[in-house]
């Protein structure tokens, strides 16, 4: 099953990746149309996958004995989203190390520009044969560094 081009909207501004999603009824509590909390974590994974699909030779990366594992994740909720809302998820990275990095997610209601949630995922890379941590593949490291949060000392 292919995904319609209209739903594949990852843009790459100089400061972040952007993933857009339309809230479907099955992602809500169906009573008031409020998005069920676990979907925010699901969308983190979807955004992460689209970044790889749109910006790397992901088939080559996936053929290697490497696993991109979620070490930890979190979401902080600020406002509700409802059925039919367009969500804009802006993604940046921080704490980039040779074997891991943190992805930061900011969720916006794309119609009102309201910040509705923030979240993080720490991603680690492991060799699937040995179970040991391994270096981030060069192509993925390049993606992570392209949207790394710049801090002033």
Protein backbone atom coordinates (compact mmCIF):
# COMPACT_ATOMS: atom_id res chain seq x y z
CA UNK A 1 0.00 0.00 0.00
CA UNK A 2 1.50 3.31 -0.99
CA UNK A 3 1.15 6.55 0.92
CA UNK A 4 -0.36 9.49 -0.99
CA UNK A 5 2.13 12.19 -1.85
CA UNK A 6 0.00 14.76 0.00
CA UNK A 7 0.73 13.04 3.33
CA UNK A 8 4.48 12.90 2.70
CA UNK A 9 5.29 16.47 3.68
CA UNK A 10 8.71 16.59 5.24
CA UNK A 11 10.43 19.86 4.64
CA UNK A 12 13.98 20.64 5.60
CA UNK A 13 14.39 24.25 6.74
CA UNK A 14 17.86 25.17 7.87
CA UNK A 15 16.94 24.71 11.54
CA UNK A 16 14.57 21.70 11.76
CA UNK A 17 12.77 18.93 9.92
CA UNK A 18 9.01 19.36 9.66
CA UNK A 19 6.50 16.52 9.50
CA UNK A 20 2.80 17.24 8.96
CA UNK A 21 -0.09 14.98 9.89
CA UNK A 22 -3.88 15.24 9.83
CA UNK A 23 -5.60 13.88 12.95
CA UNK A 24 -7.89 10.97 12.06
CA UNK A 25 -10.94 9.93 14.08
CA UNK A 26 -9.27 6.65 15.14
CA UNK A 27 -6.58 8.77 16.86
CA UNK A 28 -9.11 10.42 19.17
CA UNK A 29 -11.26 9.37 22.08
CA UNK A 30 -14.21 9.63 19.62
CA UNK A 31 -16.37 11.28 22.29
CA UNK A 32 -15.15 14.85 21.96
CA UNK A 33 -12.66 14.17 19.22
CA UNK A 34 -9.69 14.84 21.54
CA UNK A 35 -6.47 13.16 20.41
CA UNK A 36 -5.61 10.16 22.58
CA UNK A 37 -2.27 10.77 24.33
CA UNK A 38 -0.39 7.76 22.94
CA UNK A 39 -0.66 9.08 19.39
CA UNK A 40 1.88 11.79 20.14
CA UNK A 41 4.49 9.06 20.72
CA UNK A 42 3.32 7.23 17.58
CA UNK A 43 3.78 10.44 15.58
CA UNK A 44 7.35 10.76 16.88
CA UNK A 45 8.12 7.39 15.31
CA UNK A 46 6.33 8.27 12.09
CA UNK A 47 8.26 11.54 11.79
CA UNK A 48 11.55 9.76 12.44
CA UNK A 49 10.80 7.21 9.73
CA UNK A 50 9.77 9.82 7.15
CA UNK A 51 12.99 11.75 7.76
CA UNK A 52 14.94 8.60 6.93
CA UNK A 53 12.81 7.74 3.91
CA UNK A 54 12.98 11.23 2.45
CA UNK A 55 16.65 11.97 3.13
CA UNK A 56 18.68 8.74 3.06
CA UNK A 57 19.21 5.52 1.19
CA UNK A 58 17.23 3.83 3.96
CA UNK A 59 17.18 0.43 2.24
CA UNK A 60 20.98 0.36 2.32
CA UNK A 61 21.02 1.43 5.97
CA UNK A 62 18.43 -1.20 6.91
CA UNK A 63 20.44 -3.94 5.20
CA UNK A 64 23.25 -3.43 7.73
CA UNK A 65 23.25 -5.23 11.10
CA UNK A 66 22.25 -1.99 12.85
CA UNK A 67 19.24 -1.25 15.01
CA UNK A 68 18.05 2.26 15.76
CA UNK A 69 16.49 1.74 19.18
CA UNK A 70 14.44 4.15 21.26
CA UNK A 71 16.18 4.35 24.63
CA UNK A 72 13.63 6.71 26.17
CA UNK A 73 10.82 9.03 25.12
CA UNK A 74 8.52 11.60 26.65
CA UNK A 75 5.71 13.99 25.78
CA UNK A 76 4.51 17.06 27.68
CA UNK A 77 1.00 18.22 26.79
CA UNK A 78 0.05 21.91 26.63
CA UNK A 79 -3.24 22.00 24.67
CA UNK A 80 -5.66 19.58 23.06
CA UNK A 81 -5.79 18.56 19.42
CA UNK A 82 -9.00 17.37 17.81
CA UNK A 83 -10.21 15.26 14.91
CA UNK A 84 -9.36 16.94 11.61
CA UNK A 85 -6.61 19.16 12.98
CA UNK A 86 -3.44 19.54 10.95
CA UNK A 87 -0.42 18.92 13.18
CA UNK A 88 3.01 20.35 12.38
CA UNK A 89 5.82 18.55 14.18
CA UNK A 90 9.19 20.32 14.17
CA UNK A 91 12.17 18.10 14.91
CA UNK A 92 15.66 19.05 16.05
CA UNK A 93 18.50 17.09 17.62
CA UNK A 94 20.71 17.61 20.63
CA UNK A 95 23.29 15.68 22.69
CA UNK A 96 24.81 14.03 19.63
CA UNK A 97 27.35 11.35 20.60
CA UNK A 98 29.02 8.66 18.45
CA UNK A 99 26.34 6.07 19.38
CA UNK A 100 23.25 8.15 20.25
CA UNK A 101 21.42 11.45 20.01
CA UNK A 102 18.26 13.08 21.34
CA UNK A 103 15.44 14.15 19.05
CA UNK A 104 13.32 17.06 20.26
CA UNK A 105 9.75 17.37 18.98
CA UNK A 106 7.52 20.44 19.06
CA UNK A 107 3.90 19.81 18.05
CA UNK A 108 1.87 22.74 16.69
CA UNK A 109 -1.72 23.09 15.58
CA UNK A 110 -0.89 24.07 11.99
CA UNK A 111 -4.09 26.12 11.62
CA UNK A 112 -3.63 28.25 14.79
CA UNK A 113 0.14 27.90 15.24
CA UNK A 114 -0.48 27.04 18.93
CA UNK A 115 2.16 24.88 20.60
CA UNK A 116 0.20 21.83 21.77
CA UNK A 117 2.97 19.52 23.03
CA UNK A 118 6.71 18.98 23.29
CA UNK A 119 8.60 15.71 23.42
CA UNK A 120 11.95 13.95 23.27
CA UNK A 121 13.36 10.61 22.19
CA UNK A 122 16.85 9.36 22.93
CA UNK A 123 17.93 7.15 20.05
CA UNK A 124 20.76 4.64 20.39
CA UNK A 125 22.37 2.48 17.73
CA UNK A 126 23.18 -1.17 18.31
CA UNK A 127 24.79 -3.95 16.32
CA UNK A 128 22.06 -6.56 15.93
CA UNK A 129 24.57 -9.41 15.77
CA UNK A 130 26.59 -8.56 18.88
CA UNK A 131 24.00 -6.58 20.85
CA UNK A 132 26.69 -3.93 21.48
CA UNK A 133 26.37 -0.21 20.93
CA UNK A 134 27.73 0.88 17.57
CA UNK A 135 28.52 4.11 15.77
CA UNK A 136 25.70 6.01 14.14
CA UNK A 137 25.78 5.39 10.37
CA UNK A 138 27.40 8.33 8.58
CA UNK A 139 24.27 9.21 6.60
CA UNK A 140 22.13 9.37 9.75
CA UNK A 141 24.83 11.32 11.60
CA UNK A 142 24.71 13.89 8.79
CA UNK A 143 20.94 14.24 9.22
CA UNK A 144 21.27 14.63 12.98
CA UNK A 145 23.95 17.31 12.68
CA UNK A 146 21.96 19.22 10.05
CA UNK A 147 19.25 20.03 12.63
CA UNK A 148 21.32 20.09 15.80
CA UNK A 149 20.20 22.71 18.31
CA UNK A 150 22.83 25.41 18.48
CA UNK A 151 23.47 26.71 21.98
CA UNK A 152 25.55 29.63 23.08
CA UNK A 153 28.12 29.16 25.81
